[in-house]
Amino acid sequence: MNKGLSSLFDVVNKDRRRIIGLMSGTSLDGLDVALCEFTGHGTDTQMTLLEFATMPYDTAFKAQVKSIFSKREADLEKVCLMNAYVGSFHADLINECLQTWNIQPREVDVIASHGQTIYHAPASLHQIPGMPNATLQIGDGDHIAVKTGIITLSDFRQKHIAAGGEGAPLAVYGDYLLFSEKGQNRIMLNIGGIANFTFLPGDLNTSRIFSTDVGPGNTLMDAYVQTQYPGKYFDANSDIAKKGTYNTRLLSALLDHPFFNQGFPKTTGPELFNLAYLEQAQQRSETTHLSPEDVMATLNRFSATGICEALERTMNKEHFELFLSGGGMHNPLLMENIAEMITGVTIRNTAELGVSPDAKEAVLFATLANECLVGNAIDFGPEHTGVPSVHMGKISLPD
């Protein structure tokens, strides 16, 4: 048997598997690296988070990615080069983490790499007749496998699309396996560049489970800060937004898009919610005169409103517990706005469930890799066309 396939066979037959999950989001803060240990699979999955680090990206790397990120027209040579470069760069960051943690590559069974999304194009957004849902993540898995010496699974979203989904959100699979609890209705809200949540019913009926994007999380706020305040990448501690007052006319214009009335599940990205979207909303609402502080306050309220209106549609008068994760939970004003609009609900974070809220997305991709290797496809029911019952991840061998 091929040496690499033999190693893969050995991993599959282990009682315990150590898997590194990677996540690099649209906010481009850095690479989340989560070392997890798994036993079992499916609803018997047990996961322990052994180590976690966010490896920050420097200004040069951010600029390289942004030159091709979320652009309908991009330099094809640059896309080609960055696919290899991002994979190699992520491998360097993984090796750095392993050295810091005093862990040898041979002690890790698998790497699960999300890659770096550069364009997300569901048919509902591109509306090009005859063309399918599509998404593109760069950061080639072979480069990670060869440079780390560890079997790597990557490009998870393509199977989801091939089986009839939109390639996002994928959180529903890991959320169901790790966080479902009989007798407790839970909503797992992740606020990254885009905000999304998974609804987990307490009756554990998989046909009722769904995961959906709901609109912007940090993406518009971050983009605006970077334009108005050179050298800043986000509104730390909501310092800018807290100096302003949200404008109701601009807020109404921002919410005036068919996306917010679409049913669940749905997906979106910076391809829609970007600075051009903001500029058009300001022109329609005649608010181009607003101060940057007032614009930031309004964008903050916009993100909170999109999240809360989607939660209200899901609650259906049922009691539920809300668990947060993602960078947006560190935005104090955003949390205040959400708490103001969602009453009677205790807002917690996933640390109470044993997973750091900053590590959650990386952990979820490690979970997808574990399922790909040893699990059975989860059947969410035929009515869940947006949640296909598939294994996800392409396998790259290190030799």
Protein backbone atom coordinates (compact mmCIF):
# COMPACT_ATOMS: atom_id res chain seq x y z
CA MET A 1 0.00 0.00 0.00
CA ASN A 2 1.12 3.56 -0.68
CA LYS A 3 2.88 4.92 2.41
CA GLY A 4 0.58 7.92 2.66
CA LEU A 5 -2.56 5.81 2.29
CA SER A 6 -1.21 3.41 4.90
CA SER A 7 -0.77 6.34 7.31
CA LEU A 8 -4.31 7.48 6.55
CA PHE A 9 -5.61 3.97 7.22
CA ASP A 10 -3.84 3.96 10.57
CA VAL A 11 -5.40 7.31 11.53
CA VAL A 12 -8.89 6.09 10.64
CA ASN A 13 -8.47 3.05 12.87
CA LYS A 14 -7.26 4.94 15.93
CA ASP A 15 -9.41 5.21 19.03
CA ARG A 16 -8.25 8.82 19.45
CA ARG A 17 -7.31 11.33 16.78
CA ARG A 18 -5.45 14.61 17.18
CA ILE A 19 -6.66 17.07 14.57
CA ILE A 20 -5.59 20.67 14.00
CA GLY A 21 -8.46 22.85 12.80
CA LEU A 22 -7.68 26.05 10.90
CA MET A 23 -9.88 29.07 10.24
CA SER A 24 -9.08 32.29 8.43
CA GLY A 25 -12.13 34.52 8.13
CA THR A 26 -13.12 37.47 5.99
CA SER A 27 -11.96 39.90 8.68
CA LEU A 28 -8.35 38.78 8.04
CA ASP A 29 -7.39 39.08 11.71
CA GLY A 30 -5.17 36.04 11.56
CA LEU A 31 -5.11 32.26 11.38
CA ASP A 32 -6.99 30.44 14.16
CA VAL A 33 -5.17 27.20 15.01
CA ALA A 34 -6.97 24.72 17.28
CA LEU A 35 -5.42 21.41 18.32
CA CYS A 36 -8.27 19.05 19.20
CA GLU A 37 -8.46 15.45 20.38
CA PHE A 38 -11.42 13.39 19.19
CA THR A 39 -12.94 10.09 20.17
CA GLY A 40 -15.97 8.64 18.45
CA HIS A 41 -18.00 10.22 15.69
CA GLY A 42 -21.52 11.38 14.95
CA THR A 43 -23.62 12.01 18.04
CA ASP A 44 -21.03 10.06 20.07
CA THR A 45 -18.30 12.60 19.24
CA GLN A 46 -16.19 13.69 22.19
CA MET A 47 -13.82 16.60 21.64
CA THR A 48 -11.17 18.12 23.90
CA LEU A 49 -9.48 21.39 22.93
CA LEU A 50 -5.82 20.87 23.79
CA GLU A 51 -4.25 24.06 22.44
CA PHE A 52 -5.40 27.20 20.68
CA ALA A 53 -3.71 30.25 19.18
CA THR A 54 -4.59 33.03 16.78
CA MET A 55 -1.55 33.77 14.63
CA PRO A 56 -1.96 37.42 13.58
CA TYR A 57 -1.46 38.44 9.97
CA ASP A 58 0.96 41.25 9.25
CA THR A 59 0.03 44.27 7.15
CA ALA A 60 1.80 42.97 4.04
CA PHE A 61 -0.09 39.65 4.06
CA LYS A 62 -3.43 41.41 4.55
CA ALA A 63 -2.69 43.69 1.61
CA GLN A 64 -1.83 40.73 -0.62
CA VAL A 65 -5.11 38.97 0.15
CA LYS A 66 -7.18 42.14 -0.12
CA SER A 67 -5.85 42.76 -3.62
CA ILE A 68 -7.92 39.76 -4.82
CA PHE A 69 -10.55 39.49 -2.08
CA SER A 70 -14.25 39.82 -2.94
CA LYS A 71 -13.57 41.36 -6.36
CA ARG A 72 -15.55 40.39 -9.46
CA GLU A 73 -12.48 41.19 -11.52
CA ALA A 74 -9.03 40.17 -10.24
CA ASP A 75 -5.56 39.49 -11.59
CA LEU A 76 -5.67 35.78 -12.47
CA GLU A 77 -1.92 35.42 -12.07
CA LYS A 78 -2.18 36.90 -8.57
CA VAL A 79 -4.97 34.47 -7.66
CA CYS A 80 -2.82 31.58 -8.90
CA LEU A 81 0.22 32.73 -6.94
CA MET A 82 -1.73 33.44 -3.77
CA ASN A 83 -3.29 29.96 -3.77
CA ALA A 84 0.18 28.49 -3.32
CA TYR A 85 1.48 31.31 -1.12
CA VAL A 86 -1.39 31.18 1.39
CA GLY A 87 -1.06 27.41 1.74
CA SER A 88 2.68 27.67 2.34
CA PHE A 89 2.26 30.61 4.73
CA HIS A 90 -0.38 28.79 6.76
CA ALA A 91 1.95 25.79 6.99
CA ASP A 92 4.64 28.05 8.44
CA LEU A 93 2.20 29.32 11.08
CA ILE A 94 1.19 25.76 11.99
CA ASN A 95 4.83 24.73 12.38
CA GLU A 96 5.39 27.78 14.58
CA CYS A 97 2.46 26.78 16.79
CA LEU A 98 3.72 23.21 17.11
CA GLN A 99 7.13 24.45 18.14
CA THR A 100 5.60 26.77 20.74
CA TRP A 101 3.43 23.95 22.10
CA ASN A 102 6.42 21.57 22.12
CA ILE A 103 4.52 19.11 19.92
CA GLN A 104 6.12 17.09 17.13
CA PRO A 105 4.31 16.87 13.75
CA ARG A 106 4.14 13.08 14.15
CA GLU A 107 1.96 13.63 17.22
CA VAL A 108 -0.74 15.23 15.04
CA ASP A 109 -2.87 12.95 12.87
CA VAL A 110 -4.60 15.41 10.55
CA ILE A 111 -4.88 19.10 9.68
CA ALA A 112 -8.29 20.48 8.69
CA SER A 113 -7.85 23.68 6.68
CA HIS A 114 -10.69 26.00 5.74
CA GLY A 115 -8.41 28.12 3.55
CA GLN A 116 -9.03 31.77 2.77
CA THR A 117 -12.29 32.72 1.09
CA ILE A 118 -11.71 35.19 -1.72
CA TYR A 119 -15.14 35.03 -3.38
CA HIS A 120 -18.55 33.65 -2.43
CA ALA A 121 -21.14 33.50 -5.21
CA PRO A 122 -24.45 31.79 -4.39
CA ALA A 123 -26.90 31.83 -7.30
CA SER A 124 -29.23 34.00 -5.23
CA LEU A 125 -26.59 36.72 -5.35
CA HIS A 126 -24.98 36.41 -8.79
CA GLN A 127 -28.31 35.68 -10.58
CA ILE A 128 -26.58 34.55 -13.78
CA PRO A 129 -28.93 32.22 -15.68
CA GLY A 130 -27.69 28.66 -15.92
CA MET A 131 -24.80 29.16 -13.49
CA PRO A 132 -24.60 27.28 -10.18
CA ASN A 133 -23.81 28.22 -6.61
CA ALA A 134 -20.06 28.72 -6.23
CA THR A 135 -17.41 29.71 -3.73
CA LEU A 136 -13.61 29.88 -3.80
CA GLN A 137 -11.15 29.35 -0.97
CA ILE A 138 -7.42 29.55 -1.64
CA GLY A 139 -4.52 28.08 0.35
CA ASP A 140 -3.77 24.77 -1.31
CA GLY A 141 -3.89 21.73 0.99
CA ASP A 142 -0.97 19.96 -0.71
CA HIS A 143 1.34 22.80 0.27
CA ILE A 144 0.24 22.47 3.91
CA ALA A 145 0.65 18.69 3.89
CA VAL A 146 4.12 18.73 2.33
CA LYS A 147 5.48 21.57 4.47
CA THR A 148 4.15 20.22 7.78
CA GLY A 149 4.45 16.51 7.02
CA ILE A 150 0.85 16.03 8.22
CA ILE A 151 -2.12 14.63 6.28
CA THR A 152 -4.33 17.58 5.39
CA LEU A 153 -8.04 17.88 4.59
CA SER A 154 -9.12 21.08 2.86
CA ASP A 155 -11.61 22.70 0.46
CA PHE A 156 -14.61 21.55 2.52
CA ARG A 157 -17.15 23.83 0.89
CA GLN A 158 -17.04 22.35 -2.62
CA LYS A 159 -18.74 19.06 -1.69
CA HIS A 160 -21.50 21.03 0.04
CA ILE A 161 -22.17 22.91 -3.21
CA ALA A 162 -21.85 19.79 -5.37
CA ALA A 163 -24.56 18.15 -3.24
CA GLY A 164 -26.98 21.06 -3.63
CA GLY A 165 -25.97 23.52 -0.89
CA GLU A 166 -24.50 27.01 -1.16
CA GLY A 167 -21.18 26.16 0.46
CA ALA A 168 -22.17 27.91 3.68
CA PRO A 169 -22.79 28.01 6.52
CA LEU A 170 -21.09 24.75 7.43
CA ALA A 171 -21.36 25.33 11.17
CA VAL A 172 -24.58 23.29 11.37
CA TYR A 173 -22.68 19.99 11.17
CA GLY A 174 -20.25 20.68 14.00
CA ASP A 175 -22.79 22.58 16.09
CA TYR A 176 -25.14 19.61 15.97
CA LEU A 177 -22.46 17.09 16.94
CA LEU A 178 -20.79 19.14 19.67
CA PHE A 179 -23.49 21.32 21.19
CA SER A 180 -26.91 19.65 20.89
CA GLU A 181 -28.52 18.98 24.27
CA LYS A 182 -31.76 17.10 24.85
CA GLY A 183 -34.38 19.32 26.45
CA GLN A 184 -32.65 22.61 25.56
CA ASN A 185 -33.37 24.73 22.49
CA ARG A 186 -30.08 26.38 21.59
CA ILE A 187 -29.02 29.01 19.10
CA MET A 188 -25.31 29.07 18.33
CA LEU A 189 -24.62 32.60 17.07
CA ASN A 190 -21.26 33.28 15.45
CA ILE A 191 -20.40 36.90 14.65
CA GLY A 192 -17.46 37.04 12.29
CA GLY A 193 -17.25 39.14 9.15
CA ILE A 194 -20.69 37.75 8.40
CA ALA A 195 -23.06 36.76 11.21
CA ASN A 196 -24.62 33.30 11.14
CA PHE A 197 -26.36 31.01 13.57
CA THR A 198 -27.44 27.39 13.98
CA PHE A 199 -30.76 26.46 15.59
CA LEU A 200 -30.54 23.27 17.68
CA PRO A 201 -33.96 22.08 18.92
CA GLY A 202 -34.13 20.40 22.29
CA ASP A 203 -36.09 17.47 20.85
CA LEU A 204 -32.95 16.63 18.78
CA ASN A 205 -35.12 16.36 15.65
CA THR A 206 -32.59 16.80 12.84
CA SER A 207 -35.30 17.90 10.41
CA ARG A 208 -35.78 21.07 12.49
CA ILE A 209 -32.09 21.97 12.61
CA PHE A 210 -30.82 24.66 10.29
CA SER A 211 -27.94 27.08 9.93
CA THR A 212 -28.08 30.39 8.12
CA ASP A 213 -26.25 33.61 7.45
CA VAL A 214 -28.22 36.63 8.64
CA GLY A 215 -26.20 39.58 7.35
CA PRO A 216 -23.11 41.59 8.23
CA GLY A 217 -21.26 41.01 11.46
CA ASN A 218 -17.99 42.91 11.42
CA THR A 219 -17.34 43.17 7.68
CA LEU A 220 -18.88 46.58 6.95
CA MET A 221 -17.66 48.13 10.20
CA ASP A 222 -14.11 46.89 9.59
CA ALA A 223 -14.08 48.05 5.96
CA TYR A 224 -15.31 51.51 6.92
CA VAL A 225 -12.77 51.90 9.73
CA GLN A 226 -9.94 50.91 7.41
CA THR A 227 -11.04 53.57 4.91
CA GLN A 228 -11.61 56.40 7.39
CA TYR A 229 -8.85 55.66 9.90
CA PRO A 230 -5.64 54.54 8.16
CA GLY A 231 -3.68 52.10 10.29
CA LYS A 232 -6.77 50.84 12.13
CA TYR A 233 -8.33 47.52 11.14
CA PHE A 234 -11.37 47.49 13.42
CA ASP A 235 -13.19 49.61 15.98
CA ALA A 236 -11.39 48.45 19.13
CA ASN A 237 -13.68 48.58 22.18
CA SER A 238 -16.31 50.34 19.99
CA ASP A 239 -14.40 53.57 20.70
CA ILE A 240 -15.44 55.19 17.42
CA ALA A 241 -19.05 54.02 17.30
CA LYS A 242 -19.67 55.02 20.92
CA LYS A 243 -18.85 58.64 20.03
CA GLY A 244 -21.62 58.68 17.44
CA THR A 245 -25.38 58.28 17.25
CA TYR A 246 -27.05 55.91 14.84
CA ASN A 247 -29.12 57.52 12.10
CA THR A 248 -32.58 56.03 11.55
CA ARG A 249 -32.80 57.04 7.88
CA LEU A 250 -29.49 55.42 7.02
CA LEU A 251 -30.36 52.36 9.09
CA SER A 252 -33.63 51.94 7.16
CA ALA A 253 -31.79 52.24 3.86
CA LEU A 254 -29.22 49.65 4.89
CA LEU A 255 -31.99 47.22 5.84
CA ASP A 256 -33.83 47.82 2.57
CA HIS A 257 -32.56 44.80 0.63
CA PRO A 258 -34.34 41.59 -0.47
CA PHE A 259 -31.73 39.50 1.35
CA PHE A 260 -33.29 40.28 4.71
CA ASN A 261 -36.69 38.95 3.60
CA GLN A 262 -35.38 35.71 2.14
CA GLY A 263 -36.21 32.49 3.95
CA PHE A 264 -33.67 30.39 5.84
CA PRO A 265 -31.16 29.02 5.12
CA LYS A 266 -29.34 31.64 3.04
CA THR A 267 -25.79 32.82 2.59
CA THR A 268 -24.09 36.10 1.82
CA GLY A 269 -20.73 37.85 2.05
CA PRO A 270 -18.73 41.02 1.42
CA GLU A 271 -19.61 40.60 -2.24
CA LEU A 272 -22.93 42.21 -1.26
CA PHE A 273 -22.30 43.97 2.03
CA ASN A 274 -19.39 46.24 1.18
CA LEU A 275 -18.51 49.93 1.03
CA ALA A 276 -20.40 50.34 -2.26
CA TYR A 277 -23.53 49.05 -0.49
CA LEU A 278 -23.01 51.63 2.27
CA GLU A 279 -22.43 54.44 -0.24
CA GLN A 280 -25.63 53.61 -2.12
CA ALA A 281 -27.60 53.52 1.13
CA GLN A 282 -26.23 56.92 2.14
CA GLN A 283 -27.18 58.40 -1.20
CA ARG A 284 -30.73 56.99 -1.05
CA SER A 285 -31.20 58.25 2.51
CA GLU A 286 -29.46 61.60 1.90
CA THR A 287 -27.03 60.97 4.75
CA THR A 288 -23.69 61.50 3.02
CA HIS A 289 -23.06 64.37 5.44
CA LEU A 290 -22.87 62.12 8.53
CA SER A 291 -19.72 62.11 10.61
CA PRO A 292 -17.61 58.92 10.61
CA GLU A 293 -18.65 58.36 14.23
CA ASP A 294 -22.35 58.48 13.33
CA VAL A 295 -21.80 56.17 10.35
CA MET A 296 -19.99 53.68 12.58
CA ALA A 297 -22.75 53.85 15.19
CA THR A 298 -25.29 53.16 12.44
CA LEU A 299 -23.31 50.26 10.98
CA ASN A 300 -23.07 48.79 14.47
CA ARG A 301 -26.84 49.07 14.92
CA PHE A 302 -27.34 47.63 11.40
CA SER A 303 -25.40 44.47 12.25
CA ALA A 304 -27.28 44.07 15.52
CA THR A 305 -30.67 44.62 13.85
CA GLY A 306 -30.02 42.05 11.14
CA ILE A 307 -28.99 39.51 13.76
CA CYS A 308 -31.87 40.18 16.13
CA GLU A 309 -34.62 40.25 13.51
CA ALA A 310 -33.41 36.85 12.27
CA LEU A 311 -33.39 35.51 15.84
CA GLU A 312 -36.92 36.79 16.43
CA ARG A 313 -38.11 34.94 13.30
CA THR A 314 -36.53 31.75 14.63
CA MET A 315 -37.69 31.94 18.25
CA ASN A 316 -41.34 31.28 17.39
CA LYS A 317 -42.27 31.93 21.02
CA GLU A 318 -40.09 29.02 22.12
CA HIS A 319 -37.65 29.42 24.97
CA PHE A 320 -34.06 29.10 23.85
CA GLU A 321 -30.51 29.61 25.06
CA LEU A 322 -28.19 31.86 23.05
CA PHE A 323 -24.48 31.04 22.86
CA LEU A 324 -22.06 33.45 21.16
CA SER A 325 -18.74 33.02 19.40
CA GLY A 326 -16.60 34.99 16.96
CA GLY A 327 -14.82 38.32 16.98
CA GLY A 328 -18.02 40.38 17.09
CA MET A 329 -18.66 39.31 20.67
CA HIS A 330 -15.67 41.48 21.65
CA ASN A 331 -17.45 44.60 20.31
CA PRO A 332 -19.09 46.13 23.43
CA LEU A 333 -21.58 48.36 21.61
CA LEU A 334 -22.68 45.52 19.34
CA MET A 335 -23.33 43.39 22.41
CA GLU A 336 -25.28 46.24 24.03
CA ASN A 337 -27.41 46.67 20.92
CA ILE A 338 -28.17 42.95 20.73
CA ALA A 339 -29.02 42.75 24.44
CA GLU A 340 -31.36 45.74 24.05
CA MET A 341 -33.27 44.18 21.14
CA ILE A 342 -33.39 40.58 22.38
CA THR A 343 -35.07 40.65 25.76
CA GLY A 344 -35.67 37.80 28.17
CA VAL A 345 -32.73 35.79 26.87
CA THR A 346 -29.49 35.21 28.71
CA ILE A 347 -26.58 35.80 26.36
CA ARG A 348 -23.71 33.39 26.99
CA ASN A 349 -20.69 32.24 25.05
CA THR A 350 -19.45 28.81 24.07
CA ALA A 351 -16.80 28.76 26.83
CA GLU A 352 -19.65 27.52 29.04
CA LEU A 353 -19.89 24.52 26.71
CA GLY A 354 -16.17 23.78 26.84
CA VAL A 355 -15.06 25.54 23.64
CA SER A 356 -13.38 28.95 23.56
CA PRO A 357 -15.61 31.29 21.52
CA ASP A 358 -12.55 32.46 19.58
CA ALA A 359 -11.60 28.87 18.74
CA LYS A 360 -15.07 27.62 17.80
CA GLU A 361 -14.86 27.92 14.01
CA ALA A 362 -11.46 26.23 13.86
CA VAL A 363 -12.80 23.47 16.12
CA LEU A 364 -15.78 22.99 13.80
CA PHE A 365 -13.52 22.34 10.81
CA ALA A 366 -11.54 19.84 12.85
CA THR A 367 -14.89 18.18 13.59
CA LEU A 368 -15.73 18.05 9.87
CA ALA A 369 -12.40 16.32 9.24
CA ASN A 370 -13.09 13.77 11.98
CA GLU A 371 -16.47 13.00 10.40
CA CYS A 372 -14.93 12.72 6.94
CA LEU A 373 -12.45 10.15 8.22
CA VAL A 374 -14.55 7.99 10.51
CA GLY A 375 -18.17 9.18 10.50
CA ASN A 376 -21.34 8.53 8.57
CA ALA A 377 -23.06 11.29 6.64
CA ILE A 378 -25.63 12.99 8.89
CA ASP A 379 -29.15 12.77 7.47
CA PHE A 380 -30.89 16.08 8.11
CA GLY A 381 -33.94 15.03 6.10
CA PRO A 382 -34.98 15.56 2.47
CA GLU A 383 -36.63 18.90 3.21
CA HIS A 384 -33.23 20.33 4.23
CA THR A 385 -31.92 20.97 0.72
CA GLY A 386 -29.51 23.55 2.13
CA VAL A 387 -27.94 20.98 4.45
CA PRO A 388 -26.86 18.06 2.26
CA SER A 389 -25.95 14.78 3.95
CA VAL A 390 -22.34 14.50 2.81
CA HIS A 391 -18.78 14.08 3.99
CA MET A 392 -16.63 17.11 3.21
CA GLY A 393 -12.91 17.63 2.68
CA LYS A 394 -10.29 16.76 0.07
CA ILE A 395 -7.36 14.70 1.30
CA SER A 396 -3.74 15.74 0.68
CA LEU A 397 -0.96 13.32 1.60
CA PRO A 398 2.43 14.69 2.67
CA ASP A 399 4.38 12.41 0.30
